[in-house]
Amino acid sequence: MGVIKLKNIRTFSYHGCLIEEGKIGSDYTVDLKIKTNLQKSAETDHLLDTVDYVHLNKIVTEEMAIRSHLLEHVAKRINIRVLAEIETVEKTTVWVSKVNPPIGGDVESVTIKMTEIRK
């Protein structure tokens, strides 16, 4: 097994329970870690033998563009889509962070983490 991690994918999205969050949007960061077999690609040096991180980034940015009330909902969609579209991925973990959340305090970000394992 091996790990591919995309760190600090930055998006401007419209998630949140407040009406204002859906109108004005906010900055988000996403980290995505997948577990897969990297032995073949390590030997062949061919992109087709690995998980293309361009594909992973596309999944994240497309799902982040779909408004949700909860970060958990976005994270679940990202994980499920990775497993559905990339059959060699065995496990996926995503961290979704809202930068400067509107929670009435000086908070840099709030982050949720969710994991899905191929059954």
PDB file of N, CA and C in Angstrom:
ATOM      1  N   MET A   1       0.833  -1.194   0.000  1.00  0.00           N
ATOM      2  CA  MET A   1       0.000   0.000   0.000  1.00  0.00           C
ATOM      3  C   MET A   1       0.873   1.251   0.000  1.00  0.00           C
ATOM      4  N   GLY A   2       0.293   2.301  -0.503  1.00  0.00           N
ATOM      5  CA  GLY A   2       0.955   3.601  -0.500  1.00  0.00           C
ATOM      6  C   GLY A   2      -0.081   4.673  -0.231  1.00  0.00           C
ATOM      7  N   VAL A   3       0.383   5.894  -0.097  1.00  0.00           N
ATOM      8  CA  VAL A   3      -0.482   7.030   0.222  1.00  0.00           C
ATOM      9  C   VAL A   3      -0.220   8.152  -0.768  1.00  0.00           C
ATOM     10  N   ILE A   4      -1.287   8.768  -1.232  1.00  0.00           N
ATOM     11  CA  ILE A   4      -1.207  10.011  -1.985  1.00  0.00           C
ATOM     12  C   ILE A   4      -2.002  11.032  -1.186  1.00  0.00           C
ATOM     13  N   LYS A   5      -1.400  12.205  -0.956  1.00  0.00           N
ATOM     14  CA  LYS A   5      -2.081  13.237  -0.186  1.00  0.00           C
ATOM     15  C   LYS A   5      -2.030  14.558  -0.940  1.00  0.00           C
ATOM     16  N   LEU A   6      -3.192  15.167  -1.095  1.00  0.00           N
ATOM     17  CA  LEU A   6      -3.284  16.523  -1.618  1.00  0.00           C
ATOM     18  C   LEU A   6      -3.522  17.421  -0.417  1.00  0.00           C
ATOM     19  N   LYS A   7      -2.669  18.405  -0.252  1.00  0.00           N
ATOM     20  CA  LYS A   7      -2.706  19.228   0.951  1.00  0.00           C
ATOM     21  C   LYS A   7      -3.048  20.678   0.593  1.00  0.00           C
ATOM     22  N   ASN A   8      -3.980  21.219   1.343  1.00  0.00           N
ATOM     23  CA  ASN A   8      -4.317  22.634   1.284  1.00  0.00           C
ATOM     24  C   ASN A   8      -4.890  23.051  -0.072  1.00  0.00           C
ATOM     25  N   ILE A   9      -5.849  22.271  -0.582  1.00  0.00           N
ATOM     26  CA  ILE A   9      -6.582  22.674  -1.780  1.00  0.00           C
ATOM     27  C   ILE A   9      -7.470  23.851  -1.360  1.00  0.00           C
ATOM     28  N   ARG A  10      -7.296  24.980  -2.015  1.00  0.00           N
ATOM     29  CA  ARG A  10      -8.035  26.179  -1.621  1.00  0.00           C
ATOM     30  C   ARG A  10      -9.223  26.412  -2.561  1.00  0.00           C
ATOM     31  N   THR A  11     -10.388  26.672  -1.959  1.00  0.00           N
ATOM     32  CA  THR A  11     -11.585  26.984  -2.739  1.00  0.00           C
ATOM     33  C   THR A  11     -12.324  28.148  -2.099  1.00  0.00           C
ATOM     34  N   PHE A  12     -13.133  28.798  -2.886  1.00  0.00           N
ATOM     35  CA  PHE A  12     -14.103  29.767  -2.377  1.00  0.00           C
ATOM     36  C   PHE A  12     -15.457  29.136  -2.619  1.00  0.00           C
ATOM     37  N   SER A  13     -16.179  28.840  -1.542  1.00  0.00           N
ATOM     38  CA  SER A  13     -17.425  28.080  -1.649  1.00  0.00           C
ATOM     39  C   SER A  13     -18.513  28.725  -0.807  1.00  0.00           C
ATOM     40  N   TYR A  14     -19.709  28.160  -0.878  1.00  0.00           N
ATOM     41  CA  TYR A  14     -20.889  28.768  -0.274  1.00  0.00           C
ATOM     42  C   TYR A  14     -21.588  27.837   0.710  1.00  0.00           C
ATOM     43  N   HIS A  15     -20.833  27.148   1.534  1.00  0.00           N
ATOM     44  CA  HIS A  15     -21.401  26.215   2.499  1.00  0.00           C
ATOM     45  C   HIS A  15     -21.765  26.925   3.799  1.00  0.00           C
ATOM     46  N   GLY A  16     -22.753  26.364   4.481  1.00  0.00           N
ATOM     47  CA  GLY A  16     -23.121  26.889   5.790  1.00  0.00           C
ATOM     48  C   GLY A  16     -24.624  26.924   5.975  1.00  0.00           C
ATOM     49  N   CYS A  17     -25.034  26.989   7.227  1.00  0.00           N
ATOM     50  CA  CYS A  17     -26.458  26.993   7.567  1.00  0.00           C
ATOM     51  C   CYS A  17     -27.072  28.391   7.500  1.00  0.00           C
ATOM     52  N   LEU A  18     -26.241  29.414   7.590  1.00  0.00           N
ATOM     53  CA  LEU A  18     -26.761  30.775   7.546  1.00  0.00           C
ATOM     54  C   LEU A  18     -27.050  31.195   6.114  1.00  0.00           C
ATOM     55  N   ILE A  19     -28.134  31.937   5.923  1.00  0.00           N
ATOM     56  CA  ILE A  19     -28.500  32.427   4.587  1.00  0.00           C
ATOM     57  C   ILE A  19     -27.360  33.252   4.000  1.00  0.00           C
ATOM     58  N   GLU A  20     -26.730  34.057   4.841  1.00  0.00           N
ATOM     59  CA  GLU A  20     -25.642  34.921   4.379  1.00  0.00           C
ATOM     60  C   GLU A  20     -24.475  34.112   3.812  1.00  0.00           C
ATOM     61  N   GLU A  21     -24.204  32.942   4.400  1.00  0.00           N
ATOM     62  CA  GLU A  21     -23.100  32.109   3.930  1.00  0.00           C
ATOM     63  C   GLU A  21     -23.343  31.626   2.501  1.00  0.00           C
ATOM     64  N   GLY A  22     -24.596  31.413   2.174  1.00  0.00           N
ATOM     65  CA  GLY A  22     -24.940  30.989   0.827  1.00  0.00           C
ATOM     66  C   GLY A  22     -24.859  32.116  -0.182  1.00  0.00           C
ATOM     67  N   LYS A  23     -24.864  33.347   0.303  1.00  0.00           N
ATOM     68  CA  LYS A  23     -24.819  34.505  -0.600  1.00  0.00           C
ATOM     69  C   LYS A  23     -23.415  35.073  -0.756  1.00  0.00           C
ATOM     70  N   ILE A  24     -22.689  35.190   0.360  1.00  0.00           N
ATOM     71  CA  ILE A  24     -21.383  35.859   0.281  1.00  0.00           C
ATOM     72  C   ILE A  24     -20.212  34.886   0.165  1.00  0.00           C
ATOM     73  N   GLY A  25     -20.406  33.651   0.573  1.00  0.00           N
ATOM     74  CA  GLY A  25     -19.352  32.654   0.462  1.00  0.00           C
ATOM     75  C   GLY A  25     -18.229  32.843   1.457  1.00  0.00           C
ATOM     76  N   SER A  26     -17.257  31.928   1.395  1.00  0.00           N
ATOM     77  CA  SER A  26     -16.150  31.936   2.340  1.00  0.00           C
ATOM     78  C   SER A  26     -14.991  31.132   1.755  1.00  0.00           C
ATOM     79  N   ASP A  27     -13.831  31.319   2.355  1.00  0.00           N
ATOM     80  CA  ASP A  27     -12.648  30.551   1.963  1.00  0.00           C
ATOM     81  C   ASP A  27     -12.632  29.206   2.683  1.00  0.00           C
ATOM     82  N   TYR A  28     -12.216  28.179   1.955  1.00  0.00           N
ATOM     83  CA  TYR A  28     -12.109  26.821   2.492  1.00  0.00           C
ATOM     84  C   TYR A  28     -10.778  26.221   2.070  1.00  0.00           C
ATOM     85  N   THR A  29     -10.320  25.265   2.864  1.00  0.00           N
ATOM     86  CA  THR A  29      -9.193  24.434   2.463  1.00  0.00           C
ATOM     87  C   THR A  29      -9.595  22.983   2.640  1.00  0.00           C
ATOM     88  N   VAL A  30      -9.041  22.140   1.777  1.00  0.00           N
ATOM     89  CA  VAL A  30      -9.339  20.716   1.823  1.00  0.00           C
ATOM     90  C   VAL A  30      -8.034  19.946   1.723  1.00  0.00           C
ATOM     91  N   ASP A  31      -7.894  18.935   2.570  1.00  0.00           N
ATOM     92  CA  ASP A  31      -6.811  17.959   2.462  1.00  0.00           C
ATOM     93  C   ASP A  31      -7.455  16.622   2.141  1.00  0.00           C
ATOM     94  N   LEU A  32      -6.835  15.886   1.231  1.00  0.00           N
ATOM     95  CA  LEU A  32      -7.358  14.585   0.842  1.00  0.00           C
ATOM     96  C   LEU A  32      -6.220  13.580   0.864  1.00  0.00           C
ATOM     97  N   LYS A  33      -6.450  12.448   1.544  1.00  0.00           N
ATOM     98  CA  LYS A  33      -5.453  11.373   1.605  1.00  0.00           C
ATOM     99  C   LYS A  33      -6.113  10.088   1.141  1.00  0.00           C
ATOM    100  N   ILE A  34      -5.454   9.411   0.196  1.00  0.00           N
ATOM    101  CA  ILE A  34      -5.983   8.131  -0.263  1.00  0.00           C
ATOM    102  C   ILE A  34      -4.927   7.051  -0.073  1.00  0.00           C
ATOM    103  N   LYS A  35      -5.405   5.831   0.174  1.00  0.00           N
ATOM    104  CA  LYS A  35      -4.526   4.664   0.249  1.00  0.00           C
ATOM    105  C   LYS A  35      -4.799   3.791  -0.963  1.00  0.00           C
ATOM    106  N   THR A  36      -3.714   3.398  -1.630  1.00  0.00           N
ATOM    107  CA  THR A  36      -3.809   2.586  -2.826  1.00  0.00           C
ATOM    108  C   THR A  36      -2.495   1.839  -3.013  1.00  0.00           C
ATOM    109  N   ASN A  37      -2.486   0.882  -3.905  1.00  0.00           N
ATOM    110  CA  ASN A  37      -1.258   0.146  -4.202  1.00  0.00           C
ATOM    111  C   ASN A  37      -0.429   0.954  -5.200  1.00  0.00           C
ATOM    112  N   LEU A  38       0.754   1.371  -4.799  1.00  0.00           N
ATOM    113  CA  LEU A  38       1.633   2.165  -5.655  1.00  0.00           C
ATOM    114  C   LEU A  38       2.795   1.355  -6.220  1.00  0.00           C
ATOM    115  N   GLN A  39       2.802   0.049  -5.978  1.00  0.00           N
ATOM    116  CA  GLN A  39       3.936  -0.778  -6.410  1.00  0.00           C
ATOM    117  C   GLN A  39       4.088  -0.811  -7.930  1.00  0.00           C
ATOM    118  N   LYS A  40       2.990  -1.003  -8.656  1.00  0.00           N
ATOM    119  CA  LYS A  40       3.079  -1.108 -10.112  1.00  0.00           C
ATOM    120  C   LYS A  40       3.590   0.189 -10.727  1.00  0.00           C
ATOM    121  N   SER A  41       3.039   1.318 -10.295  1.00  0.00           N
ATOM    122  CA  SER A  41       3.470   2.598 -10.856  1.00  0.00           C
ATOM    123  C   SER A  41       4.918   2.923 -10.479  1.00  0.00           C
ATOM    124  N   ALA A  42       5.337   2.462  -9.316  1.00  0.00           N
ATOM    125  CA  ALA A  42       6.730   2.667  -8.914  1.00  0.00           C
ATOM    126  C   ALA A  42       7.682   1.919  -9.840  1.00  0.00           C
ATOM    127  N   GLU A  43       7.219   0.795 -10.366  1.00  0.00           N
ATOM    128  CA  GLU A  43       8.040   0.007 -11.282  1.00  0.00           C
ATOM    129  C   GLU A  43       7.949   0.498 -12.728  1.00  0.00           C
ATOM    130  N   THR A  44       6.730   0.823 -13.174  1.00  0.00           N
ATOM    131  CA  THR A  44       6.536   1.148 -14.597  1.00  0.00           C
ATOM    132  C   THR A  44       6.778   2.606 -14.941  1.00  0.00           C
ATOM    133  N   ASP A  45       6.591   3.504 -13.976  1.00  0.00           N
ATOM    134  CA  ASP A  45       6.719   4.945 -14.209  1.00  0.00           C
ATOM    135  C   ASP A  45       5.663   5.451 -15.194  1.00  0.00           C
ATOM    136  N   HIS A  46       4.475   4.815 -15.199  1.00  0.00           N
ATOM    137  CA  HIS A  46       3.387   5.211 -16.084  1.00  0.00           C
ATOM    138  C   HIS A  46       2.219   5.764 -15.282  1.00  0.00           C
ATOM    139  N   LEU A  47       1.690   6.883 -15.725  1.00  0.00           N
ATOM    140  CA  LEU A  47       0.562   7.533 -15.058  1.00  0.00           C
ATOM    141  C   LEU A  47      -0.668   6.627 -14.982  1.00  0.00           C
ATOM    142  N   LEU A  48      -0.876   5.817 -16.001  1.00  0.00           N
ATOM    143  CA  LEU A  48      -2.045   4.935 -16.011  1.00  0.00           C
ATOM    144  C   LEU A  48      -1.996   3.861 -14.927  1.00  0.00           C
ATOM    145  N   ASP A  49      -0.837   3.653 -14.323  1.00  0.00           N
ATOM    146  CA  ASP A  49      -0.679   2.635 -13.284  1.00  0.00           C
ATOM    147  C   ASP A  49      -0.805   3.200 -11.872  1.00  0.00           C
ATOM    148  N   THR A  50      -1.221   4.447 -11.745  1.00  0.00           N
ATOM    149  CA  THR A  50      -1.353   5.061 -10.426  1.00  0.00           C
ATOM    150  C   THR A  50      -2.678   5.813 -10.344  1.00  0.00           C
ATOM    151  N   VAL A  51      -2.900   6.493  -9.241  1.00  0.00           N
ATOM    152  CA  VAL A  51      -4.054   7.367  -9.091  1.00  0.00           C
ATOM    153  C   VAL A  51      -3.603   8.771  -9.472  1.00  0.00           C
ATOM    154  N   ASP A  52      -4.230   9.324 -10.480  1.00  0.00           N
ATOM    155  CA  ASP A  52      -3.878  10.654 -10.984  1.00  0.00           C
ATOM    156  C   ASP A  52      -4.384  11.714 -10.010  1.00  0.00           C
ATOM    157  N   TYR A  53      -3.482  12.481  -9.434  1.00  0.00           N
ATOM    158  CA  TYR A  53      -3.920  13.477  -8.455  1.00  0.00           C
ATOM    159  C   TYR A  53      -4.646  14.643  -9.107  1.00  0.00           C
ATOM    160  N   VAL A  54      -4.545  14.794 -10.428  1.00  0.00           N
ATOM    161  CA  VAL A  54      -5.366  15.775 -11.135  1.00  0.00           C
ATOM    162  C   VAL A  54      -6.837  15.370 -11.022  1.00  0.00           C
ATOM    163  N   HIS A  55      -7.111  14.089 -11.144  1.00  0.00           N
ATOM    164  CA  HIS A  55      -8.473  13.563 -10.999  1.00  0.00           C
ATOM    165  C   HIS A  55      -8.986  13.800  -9.570  1.00  0.00           C
ATOM    166  N   LEU A  56      -8.129  13.550  -8.588  1.00  0.00           N
ATOM    167  CA  LEU A  56      -8.521  13.763  -7.198  1.00  0.00           C
ATOM    168  C   LEU A  56      -8.863  15.235  -6.952  1.00  0.00           C
ATOM    169  N   ASN A  57      -8.024  16.137  -7.455  1.00  0.00           N
ATOM    170  CA  ASN A  57      -8.262  17.565  -7.280  1.00  0.00           C
ATOM    171  C   ASN A  57      -9.567  17.985  -7.951  1.00  0.00           C
ATOM    172  N   LYS A  58      -9.856  17.426  -9.104  1.00  0.00           N
ATOM    173  CA  LYS A  58     -11.092  17.738  -9.832  1.00  0.00           C
ATOM    174  C   LYS A  58     -12.308  17.328  -9.004  1.00  0.00           C
ATOM    175  N   ILE A  59     -12.262  16.149  -8.408  1.00  0.00           N
ATOM    176  CA  ILE A  59     -13.372  15.692  -7.560  1.00  0.00           C
ATOM    177  C   ILE A  59     -13.599  16.669  -6.417  1.00  0.00           C
ATOM    178  N   VAL A  60     -12.516  17.047  -5.743  1.00  0.00           N
ATOM    179  CA  VAL A  60     -12.641  17.971  -4.608  1.00  0.00           C
ATOM    180  C   VAL A  60     -13.236  19.298  -5.051  1.00  0.00           C
ATOM    181  N   THR A  61     -12.691  19.903  -6.094  1.00  0.00           N
ATOM    182  CA  THR A  61     -13.164  21.233  -6.500  1.00  0.00           C
ATOM    183  C   THR A  61     -14.605  21.192  -7.006  1.00  0.00           C
ATOM    184  N   GLU A  62     -14.980  20.125  -7.703  1.00  0.00           N
ATOM    185  CA  GLU A  62     -16.363  20.024  -8.166  1.00  0.00           C
ATOM    186  C   GLU A  62     -17.339  19.845  -7.012  1.00  0.00           C
ATOM    187  N   GLU A  63     -16.988  19.025  -6.038  1.00  0.00           N
ATOM    188  CA  GLU A  63     -17.880  18.814  -4.889  1.00  0.00           C
ATOM    189  C   GLU A  63     -17.940  20.049  -3.990  1.00  0.00           C
ATOM    190  N   MET A  64     -16.837  20.759  -3.868  1.00  0.00           N
ATOM    191  CA  MET A  64     -16.836  21.986  -3.063  1.00  0.00           C
ATOM    192  C   MET A  64     -17.687  23.078  -3.708  1.00  0.00           C
ATOM    193  N   ALA A  65     -17.926  22.982  -5.001  1.00  0.00           N
ATOM    194  CA  ALA A  65     -18.739  23.970  -5.706  1.00  0.00           C
ATOM    195  C   ALA A  65     -20.238  23.749  -5.502  1.00  0.00           C
ATOM    196  N   ILE A  66     -20.620  22.605  -4.946  1.00  0.00           N
ATOM    197  CA  ILE A  66     -22.027  22.297  -4.699  1.00  0.00           C
ATOM    198  C   ILE A  66     -22.361  22.701  -3.257  1.00  0.00           C
ATOM    199  N   ARG A  67     -23.267  23.645  -3.102  1.00  0.00           N
ATOM    200  CA  ARG A  67     -23.599  24.170  -1.766  1.00  0.00           C
ATOM    201  C   ARG A  67     -24.159  23.082  -0.854  1.00  0.00           C
ATOM    202  N   SER A  68     -23.676  23.083   0.379  1.00  0.00           N
ATOM    203  CA  SER A  68     -24.193  22.222   1.446  1.00  0.00           C
ATOM    204  C   SER A  68     -24.323  23.049   2.714  1.00  0.00           C
ATOM    205  N   HIS A  69     -25.205  22.636   3.581  1.00  0.00           N
ATOM    206  CA  HIS A  69     -25.309  23.310   4.870  1.00  0.00           C
ATOM    207  C   HIS A  69     -24.181  22.885   5.799  1.00  0.00           C
ATOM    208  N   LEU A  70     -23.776  21.612   5.724  1.00  0.00           N
ATOM    209  CA  LEU A  70     -22.780  21.068   6.649  1.00  0.00           C
ATOM    210  C   LEU A  70     -21.530  20.605   5.926  1.00  0.00           C
ATOM    211  N   LEU A  71     -20.385  20.843   6.558  1.00  0.00           N
ATOM    212  CA  LEU A  71     -19.116  20.381   5.996  1.00  0.00           C
ATOM    213  C   LEU A  71     -19.079  18.859   5.922  1.00  0.00           C
ATOM    214  N   GLU A  72     -19.740  18.200   6.847  1.00  0.00           N
ATOM    215  CA  GLU A  72     -19.797  16.746   6.848  1.00  0.00           C
ATOM    216  C   GLU A  72     -20.411  16.211   5.555  1.00  0.00           C
ATOM    217  N   HIS A  73     -21.410  16.900   5.067  1.00  0.00           N
ATOM    218  CA  HIS A  73     -22.085  16.489   3.835  1.00  0.00           C
ATOM    219  C   HIS A  73     -21.139  16.586   2.642  1.00  0.00           C
ATOM    220  N   VAL A  74     -20.381  17.663   2.570  1.00  0.00           N
ATOM    221  CA  VAL A  74     -19.403  17.835   1.488  1.00  0.00           C
ATOM    222  C   VAL A  74     -18.331  16.754   1.583  1.00  0.00           C
ATOM    223  N   ALA A  75     -17.809  16.522   2.768  1.00  0.00           N
ATOM    224  CA  ALA A  75     -16.747  15.526   2.967  1.00  0.00           C
ATOM    225  C   ALA A  75     -17.216  14.138   2.556  1.00  0.00           C
ATOM    226  N   LYS A  76     -18.412  13.784   2.934  1.00  0.00           N
ATOM    227  CA  LYS A  76     -18.970  12.470   2.578  1.00  0.00           C
ATOM    228  C   LYS A  76     -19.076  12.323   1.064  1.00  0.00           C
ATOM    229  N   ARG A  77     -19.551  13.364   0.389  1.00  0.00           N
ATOM    230  CA  ARG A  77     -19.659  13.320  -1.070  1.00  0.00           C
ATOM    231  C   ARG A  77     -18.293  13.144  -1.729  1.00  0.00           C
ATOM    232  N   ILE A  78     -17.291  13.841  -1.224  1.00  0.00           N
ATOM    233  CA  ILE A  78     -15.941  13.717  -1.778  1.00  0.00           C
ATOM    234  C   ILE A  78     -15.445  12.284  -1.619  1.00  0.00           C
ATOM    235  N   ASN A  79     -15.539  11.740  -0.418  1.00  0.00           N
ATOM    236  CA  ASN A  79     -15.070  10.372  -0.164  1.00  0.00           C
ATOM    237  C   ASN A  79     -15.790   9.348  -1.033  1.00  0.00           C
ATOM    238  N   ILE A  80     -17.104   9.440  -1.101  1.00  0.00           N
ATOM    239  CA  ILE A  80     -17.895   8.482  -1.876  1.00  0.00           C
ATOM    240  C   ILE A  80     -17.540   8.574  -3.359  1.00  0.00           C
ATOM    241  N   ARG A  81     -17.367   9.776  -3.837  1.00  0.00           N
ATOM    242  CA  ARG A  81     -17.049   9.944  -5.260  1.00  0.00           C
ATOM    243  C   ARG A  81     -15.659   9.403  -5.593  1.00  0.00           C
ATOM    244  N   VAL A  82     -14.684   9.618  -4.723  1.00  0.00           N
ATOM    245  CA  VAL A  82     -13.346   9.063  -4.956  1.00  0.00           C
ATOM    246  C   VAL A  82     -13.426   7.545  -5.077  1.00  0.00           C
ATOM    247  N   LEU A  83     -14.119   6.908  -4.152  1.00  0.00           N
ATOM    248  CA  LEU A  83     -14.232   5.448  -4.188  1.00  0.00           C
ATOM    249  C   LEU A  83     -15.013   4.968  -5.412  1.00  0.00           C
ATOM    250  N   ALA A  84     -16.011   5.724  -5.828  1.00  0.00           N
ATOM    251  CA  ALA A  84     -16.824   5.325  -6.975  1.00  0.00           C
ATOM    252  C   ALA A  84     -16.068   5.469  -8.295  1.00  0.00           C
ATOM    253  N   GLU A  85     -15.244   6.485  -8.405  1.00  0.00           N
ATOM    254  CA  GLU A  85     -14.586   6.784  -9.675  1.00  0.00           C
ATOM    255  C   GLU A  85     -13.208   6.157  -9.830  1.00  0.00           C
ATOM    256  N   ILE A  86     -12.576   5.788  -8.718  1.00  0.00           N
ATOM    257  CA  ILE A  86     -11.210   5.272  -8.798  1.00  0.00           C
ATOM    258  C   ILE A  86     -11.163   3.936  -8.056  1.00  0.00           C
ATOM    259  N   GLU A  87     -11.302   2.864  -8.812  1.00  0.00           N
ATOM    260  CA  GLU A  87     -11.483   1.532  -8.209  1.00  0.00           C
ATOM    261  C   GLU A  87     -10.268   1.024  -7.450  1.00  0.00           C
ATOM    262  N   THR A  88      -9.096   1.580  -7.679  1.00  0.00           N
ATOM    263  CA  THR A  88      -7.901   1.101  -6.972  1.00  0.00           C
ATOM    264  C   THR A  88      -7.729   1.731  -5.593  1.00  0.00           C
ATOM    265  N   VAL A  89      -8.528   2.743  -5.276  1.00  0.00           N
ATOM    266  CA  VAL A  89      -8.441   3.381  -3.962  1.00  0.00           C
ATOM    267  C   VAL A  89      -9.126   2.490  -2.936  1.00  0.00           C
ATOM    268  N   GLU A  90      -8.403   2.171  -1.862  1.00  0.00           N
ATOM    269  CA  GLU A  90      -8.950   1.323  -0.793  1.00  0.00           C
ATOM    270  C   GLU A  90      -9.530   2.126   0.368  1.00  0.00           C
ATOM    271  N   LYS A  91      -8.963   3.307   0.602  1.00  0.00           N
ATOM    272  CA  LYS A  91      -9.381   4.123   1.743  1.00  0.00           C
ATOM    273  C   LYS A  91      -9.183   5.587   1.385  1.00  0.00           C
ATOM    274  N   THR A  92     -10.117   6.415   1.800  1.00  0.00           N
ATOM    275  CA  THR A  92     -10.001   7.847   1.550  1.00  0.00           C
ATOM    276  C   THR A  92     -10.364   8.612   2.823  1.00  0.00           C
ATOM    277  N   THR A  93      -9.566   9.618   3.110  1.00  0.00           N
ATOM    278  CA  THR A  93      -9.820  10.489   4.253  1.00  0.00           C
ATOM    279  C   THR A  93      -9.765  11.923   3.764  1.00  0.00           C
ATOM    280  N   VAL A  94     -10.748  12.718   4.168  1.00  0.00           N
ATOM    281  CA  VAL A  94     -10.793  14.119   3.759  1.00  0.00           C
ATOM    282  C   VAL A  94     -10.964  15.007   4.986  1.00  0.00           C
ATOM    283  N   TRP A  95     -10.244  16.119   4.971  1.00  0.00           N
ATOM    284  CA  TRP A  95     -10.364  17.172   5.968  1.00  0.00           C
ATOM    285  C   TRP A  95     -10.905  18.392   5.238  1.00  0.00           C
ATOM    286  N   VAL A  96     -12.039  18.934   5.681  1.00  0.00           N
ATOM    287  CA  VAL A  96     -12.604  20.140   5.094  1.00  0.00           C
ATOM    288  C   VAL A  96     -12.575  21.222   6.166  1.00  0.00           C
ATOM    289  N   SER A  97     -11.954  22.358   5.831  1.00  0.00           N
ATOM    290  CA  SER A  97     -11.814  23.454   6.793  1.00  0.00           C
ATOM    291  C   SER A  97     -12.458  24.725   6.274  1.00  0.00           C
ATOM    292  N   LYS A  98     -13.258  25.348   7.123  1.00  0.00           N
ATOM    293  CA  LYS A  98     -13.803  26.673   6.819  1.00  0.00           C
ATOM    294  C   LYS A  98     -12.894  27.692   7.490  1.00  0.00           C
ATOM    295  N   VAL A  99     -12.325  28.578   6.691  1.00  0.00           N
ATOM    296  CA  VAL A  99     -11.411  29.600   7.194  1.00  0.00           C
ATOM    297  C   VAL A  99     -12.233  30.769   7.743  1.00  0.00           C
ATOM    298  N   ASN A 100     -11.866  31.265   8.911  1.00  0.00           N
ATOM    299  CA  ASN A 100     -12.578  32.370   9.568  1.00  0.00           C
ATOM    300  C   ASN A 100     -14.082  32.117   9.669  1.00  0.00           C
ATOM    301  N   PRO A 101     -14.490  31.050  10.340  1.00  0.00           N
ATOM    302  CA  PRO A 101     -15.923  30.743  10.419  1.00  0.00           C
ATOM    303  C   PRO A 101     -16.684  31.799  11.221  1.00  0.00           C
ATOM    304  N   PRO A 102     -17.932  32.057  10.848  1.00  0.00           N
ATOM    305  CA  PRO A 102     -18.727  33.069  11.550  1.00  0.00           C
ATOM    306  C   PRO A 102     -19.326  32.511  12.846  1.00  0.00           C
ATOM    307  N   ILE A 103     -18.470  32.314  13.856  1.00  0.00           N
ATOM    308  CA  ILE A 103     -18.953  31.716  15.106  1.00  0.00           C
ATOM    309  C   ILE A 103     -18.800  32.646  16.308  1.00  0.00           C
ATOM    310  N   GLY A 104     -18.600  33.929  16.035  1.00  0.00           N
ATOM    311  CA  GLY A 104     -18.567  34.902  17.122  1.00  0.00           C
ATOM    312  C   GLY A 104     -17.311  34.852  17.963  1.00  0.00           C
ATOM    313  N   GLY A 105     -16.190  34.491  17.364  1.00  0.00           N
ATOM    314  CA  GLY A 105     -14.928  34.465  18.089  1.00  0.00           C
ATOM    315  C   GLY A 105     -13.769  34.538  17.112  1.00  0.00           C
ATOM    316  N   ASP A 106     -12.583  34.700  17.653  1.00  0.00           N
ATOM    317  CA  ASP A 106     -11.385  34.780  16.822  1.00  0.00           C
ATOM    318  C   ASP A 106     -10.866  33.364  16.589  1.00  0.00           C
ATOM    319  N   VAL A 107     -11.388  32.708  15.553  1.00  0.00           N
ATOM    320  CA  VAL A 107     -11.054  31.326  15.235  1.00  0.00           C
ATOM    321  C   VAL A 107     -10.491  31.280  13.825  1.00  0.00           C
ATOM    322  N   GLU A 108      -9.301  30.743  13.685  1.00  0.00           N
ATOM    323  CA  GLU A 108      -8.653  30.672  12.365  1.00  0.00           C
ATOM    324  C   GLU A 108      -9.452  29.818  11.392  1.00  0.00           C
ATOM    325  N   SER A 109      -9.877  28.634  11.862  1.00  0.00           N
ATOM    326  CA  SER A 109     -10.648  27.744  10.998  1.00  0.00           C
ATOM    327  C   SER A 109     -11.330  26.685  11.850  1.00  0.00           C
ATOM    328  N   VAL A 110     -12.320  26.057  11.239  1.00  0.00           N
ATOM    329  CA  VAL A 110     -12.957  24.889  11.830  1.00  0.00           C
ATOM    330  C   VAL A 110     -12.818  23.769  10.803  1.00  0.00           C
ATOM    331  N   THR A 111     -12.453  22.571  11.280  1.00  0.00           N
ATOM    332  CA  THR A 111     -12.161  21.458  10.379  1.00  0.00           C
ATOM    333  C   THR A 111     -12.930  20.218  10.792  1.00  0.00           C
ATOM    334  N   ILE A 112     -13.455  19.528   9.779  1.00  0.00           N
ATOM    335  CA  ILE A 112     -14.025  18.201  10.026  1.00  0.00           C
ATOM    336  C   ILE A 112     -13.192  17.198   9.237  1.00  0.00           C
ATOM    337  N   LYS A 113     -13.123  15.978   9.760  1.00  0.00           N
ATOM    338  CA  LYS A 113     -12.371  14.894   9.123  1.00  0.00           C
ATOM    339  C   LYS A 113     -13.289  13.695   9.004  1.00  0.00           C
ATOM    340  N   MET A 114     -13.321  13.092   7.803  1.00  0.00           N
ATOM    341  CA  MET A 114     -14.134  11.890   7.604  1.00  0.00           C
ATOM    342  C   MET A 114     -13.374  10.888   6.754  1.00  0.00           C
ATOM    343  N   THR A 115     -13.595   9.612   7.033  1.00  0.00           N
ATOM    344  CA  THR A 115     -12.911   8.518   6.335  1.00  0.00           C
ATOM    345  C   THR A 115     -13.937   7.532   5.802  1.00  0.00           C
ATOM    346  N   GLU A 116     -13.670   7.012   4.611  1.00  0.00           N
ATOM    347  CA  GLU A 116     -14.462   5.916   4.035  1.00  0.00           C
ATOM    348  C   GLU A 116     -13.501   4.828   3.579  1.00  0.00           C
ATOM    349  N   ILE A 117     -13.891   3.576   3.791  1.00  0.00           N
ATOM    350  CA  ILE A 117     -13.100   2.427   3.391  1.00  0.00           C
ATOM    351  C   ILE A 117     -13.914   1.614   2.392  1.00  0.00           C
ATOM    352  N   ARG A 118     -13.252   1.180   1.325  1.00  0.00           N
ATOM    353  CA  ARG A 118     -13.934   0.350   0.333  1.00  0.00           C
ATOM    354  C   ARG A 118     -14.406  -0.943   0.983  1.00  0.00           C
ATOM    355  N   LYS A 119     -15.633  -1.303   0.745  1.00  0.00           N
ATOM    356  CA  LYS A 119     -16.194  -2.526   1.334  1.00  0.00           C
ATOM    357  C   LYS A 119     -16.084  -3.675   0.392  1.00  0.00           C
TER     358      LYS A 119
END
